[in-house]
């Protein structure tokens, strides 16, 4: 299980997370799957419509989710996962994150510390009832400075 993602997509996630502070941001990861690996081609930002405290939870808005489902196609345009931020800097899935699981999809968490991206992690639960497992992020090109400890590069 590995998530392949470009630096430009990671930077877009980071900007979205900072822009939505103090709330969590959220969105959909579109791309393609190859076995247990996922290649993220683009991120689709969504509105956080969580009914509870949006600083500690998220819910992708239905309009964005349905639009992604309508346009999803096997190959380069399927939903490979979701992303959201943790404005408190934590890097692991919360209990609320575990409740929102879509089995087999990647969940990227953008951790924010002092209004900057401090880490990016990815998680996946292969089946309902199975805990999240951390999965590697493979970055095409050079790693983004604040992400060095959590992202491997494809060129070394």
Protein backbone atom coordinates (compact mmCIF):
# COMPACT_ATOMS: atom_id res chain seq x y z
CA UNK A 1 0.00 0.00 0.00
CA UNK A 2 1.68 3.17 -1.24
CA UNK A 3 0.25 6.54 -2.26
CA UNK A 4 2.03 8.26 -5.15
CA UNK A 5 1.50 12.02 -5.12
CA UNK A 6 3.11 15.08 -6.71
CA UNK A 7 4.60 17.95 -4.78
CA UNK A 8 2.15 20.34 -6.43
CA UNK A 9 -0.83 18.34 -5.10
CA UNK A 10 0.72 18.20 -1.61
CA UNK A 11 1.27 21.94 -1.69
CA UNK A 12 -2.35 22.46 -2.72
CA UNK A 13 -3.50 20.36 0.26
CA UNK A 14 -1.26 22.37 2.57
CA UNK A 15 -2.57 25.72 1.28
CA UNK A 16 -6.16 24.52 1.66
CA UNK A 17 -5.48 23.42 5.25
CA UNK A 18 -3.94 26.77 6.22
CA UNK A 19 -6.70 28.75 4.46
CA UNK A 20 -9.44 26.97 6.44
CA UNK A 21 -7.88 27.51 9.88
CA UNK A 22 -9.02 27.28 12.61
CA UNK A 23 -11.32 24.62 11.09
CA UNK A 24 -10.36 21.33 9.48
CA UNK A 25 -10.32 21.36 5.70
CA UNK A 26 -11.42 18.38 3.65
CA UNK A 27 -11.57 17.13 0.10
CA UNK A 28 -11.46 14.24 -2.31
CA UNK A 29 -8.41 12.61 -3.90
CA UNK A 30 -8.89 11.64 -7.54
CA UNK A 31 -6.54 9.42 -9.49
CA UNK A 32 -6.08 5.76 -10.22
CA UNK A 33 -5.48 2.52 -8.38
CA UNK A 34 -3.02 -0.18 -9.30
CA UNK A 35 -3.52 -3.10 -6.96
CA UNK A 36 -3.08 -1.76 -3.44
CA UNK A 37 -1.23 1.37 -4.63
CA UNK A 38 -2.92 4.68 -5.42
CA UNK A 39 -1.71 7.49 -7.68
CA UNK A 40 -3.25 10.84 -6.78
CA UNK A 41 -3.66 13.04 -9.86
CA UNK A 42 -5.69 15.85 -8.34
CA UNK A 43 -7.33 17.05 -5.16
CA UNK A 44 -10.89 18.34 -5.15
CA UNK A 45 -11.46 20.76 -2.24
CA UNK A 46 -14.79 20.40 -0.45
CA UNK A 47 -16.72 22.41 2.08
CA UNK A 48 -16.58 21.06 5.62
CA UNK A 49 -20.23 20.59 6.62
CA UNK A 50 -19.59 18.84 9.94
CA UNK A 51 -22.45 19.51 12.33
CA UNK A 52 -20.18 19.34 15.35
CA UNK A 53 -17.04 21.37 16.07
CA UNK A 54 -15.35 21.88 12.68
CA UNK A 55 -12.06 22.47 14.48
CA UNK A 56 -12.00 18.79 15.39
CA UNK A 57 -14.07 17.06 12.71
CA UNK A 58 -15.00 17.19 9.08
CA UNK A 59 -17.64 16.00 6.65
CA UNK A 60 -17.19 16.39 2.89
CA UNK A 61 -20.15 18.30 1.48
CA UNK A 62 -22.60 16.15 -0.44
CA UNK A 63 -22.58 18.27 -3.61
CA UNK A 64 -18.81 17.84 -4.07
CA UNK A 65 -18.96 14.13 -3.22
CA UNK A 66 -21.81 13.44 -5.66
CA UNK A 67 -20.07 15.44 -8.41
CA UNK A 68 -16.91 13.37 -7.89
CA UNK A 69 -18.91 10.14 -7.96
CA UNK A 70 -20.68 11.19 -11.17
CA UNK A 71 -17.41 11.96 -12.94
CA UNK A 72 -15.41 9.05 -11.48
CA UNK A 73 -14.13 6.58 -14.05
CA UNK A 74 -11.82 3.60 -13.71
CA UNK A 75 -8.30 4.70 -14.52
CA UNK A 76 -7.13 8.27 -14.01
CA UNK A 77 -10.41 9.64 -12.66
CA UNK A 78 -11.59 7.46 -9.80
CA UNK A 79 -11.89 8.38 -6.13
CA UNK A 80 -8.74 7.00 -4.51
CA UNK A 81 -9.26 8.65 -1.15
CA UNK A 82 -9.94 11.69 0.93
CA UNK A 83 -7.90 14.32 2.72
CA UNK A 84 -8.42 16.56 5.70
CA UNK A 85 -6.39 18.61 8.10
CA UNK A 86 -5.62 18.42 11.79
CA UNK A 87 -5.21 22.02 12.98
CA UNK A 88 -3.92 20.72 16.32
CA UNK A 89 -0.84 19.22 14.63
CA UNK A 90 -1.74 15.57 15.26
CA UNK A 91 -0.75 13.07 12.57
CA UNK A 92 -2.91 10.04 13.39
CA UNK A 93 -6.60 9.40 12.67
CA UNK A 94 -9.01 10.54 15.36
CA UNK A 95 -11.99 8.53 16.58
CA UNK A 96 -14.21 10.64 14.28
CA UNK A 97 -11.88 9.82 11.36
CA UNK A 98 -12.33 6.12 12.13
CA UNK A 99 -16.11 6.54 12.00
CA UNK A 100 -15.98 8.06 8.49
CA UNK A 101 -13.98 5.22 6.95
CA UNK A 102 -14.52 4.25 3.32
CA UNK A 103 -12.70 0.89 3.25
CA UNK A 104 -9.85 0.54 0.79
CA UNK A 105 -9.46 4.28 0.26
CA UNK A 106 -6.51 6.40 1.37
CA UNK A 107 -6.95 9.10 4.01
CA UNK A 108 -4.32 11.82 3.92
CA UNK A 109 -3.99 13.94 7.05
CA UNK A 110 -2.35 17.37 6.71
CA UNK A 111 -1.03 18.36 10.14
CA UNK A 112 -0.78 22.07 10.88
CA UNK A 113 1.50 23.65 13.49
CA UNK A 114 1.95 27.43 13.84
CA UNK A 115 -0.12 28.05 10.68
CA UNK A 116 2.21 25.88 8.56
CA UNK A 117 2.13 22.33 7.29
CA UNK A 118 4.24 20.31 9.73
CA UNK A 119 3.57 16.78 8.42
CA UNK A 120 1.50 14.79 5.96
CA UNK A 121 0.56 11.18 6.65
CA UNK A 122 -1.59 8.67 4.84
CA UNK A 123 -3.75 5.92 6.29
CA UNK A 124 -5.92 3.12 4.93
CA UNK A 125 -8.22 0.49 6.37
CA UNK A 126 -8.58 -2.38 3.92
CA UNK A 127 -11.95 -3.52 5.32
CA UNK A 128 -14.67 -2.32 7.66
CA UNK A 129 -13.80 -3.15 11.25
CA UNK A 130 -10.06 -3.22 10.53
CA UNK A 131 -7.98 -0.41 12.11
CA UNK A 132 -6.31 2.21 9.97
CA UNK A 133 -2.81 1.27 8.84
CA UNK A 134 -0.24 3.89 7.95
CA UNK A 135 0.80 3.78 4.31
CA UNK A 136 3.86 5.34 2.69
CA UNK A 137 3.61 8.50 0.59
CA UNK A 138 5.88 8.47 -2.45
CA UNK A 139 6.57 11.94 -3.76
CA UNK A 140 7.51 12.47 -7.40
CA UNK A 141 10.60 14.70 -7.46
CA UNK A 142 12.09 16.30 -4.36
CA UNK A 143 10.33 16.26 -1.01
CA UNK A 144 8.72 19.40 0.34
CA UNK A 145 10.88 20.64 3.26
CA UNK A 146 8.37 20.24 6.13
CA UNK A 147 7.45 16.78 4.91
CA UNK A 148 10.88 15.13 4.80
CA UNK A 149 10.18 12.81 7.71
CA UNK A 150 6.93 11.48 6.28
CA UNK A 151 7.45 11.33 2.52
CA UNK A 152 9.84 9.25 0.39
CA UNK A 153 10.91 10.40 -3.05
CA UNK A 154 10.75 8.32 -6.18
CA UNK A 155 14.32 9.26 -7.09
CA UNK A 156 16.02 8.07 -3.95
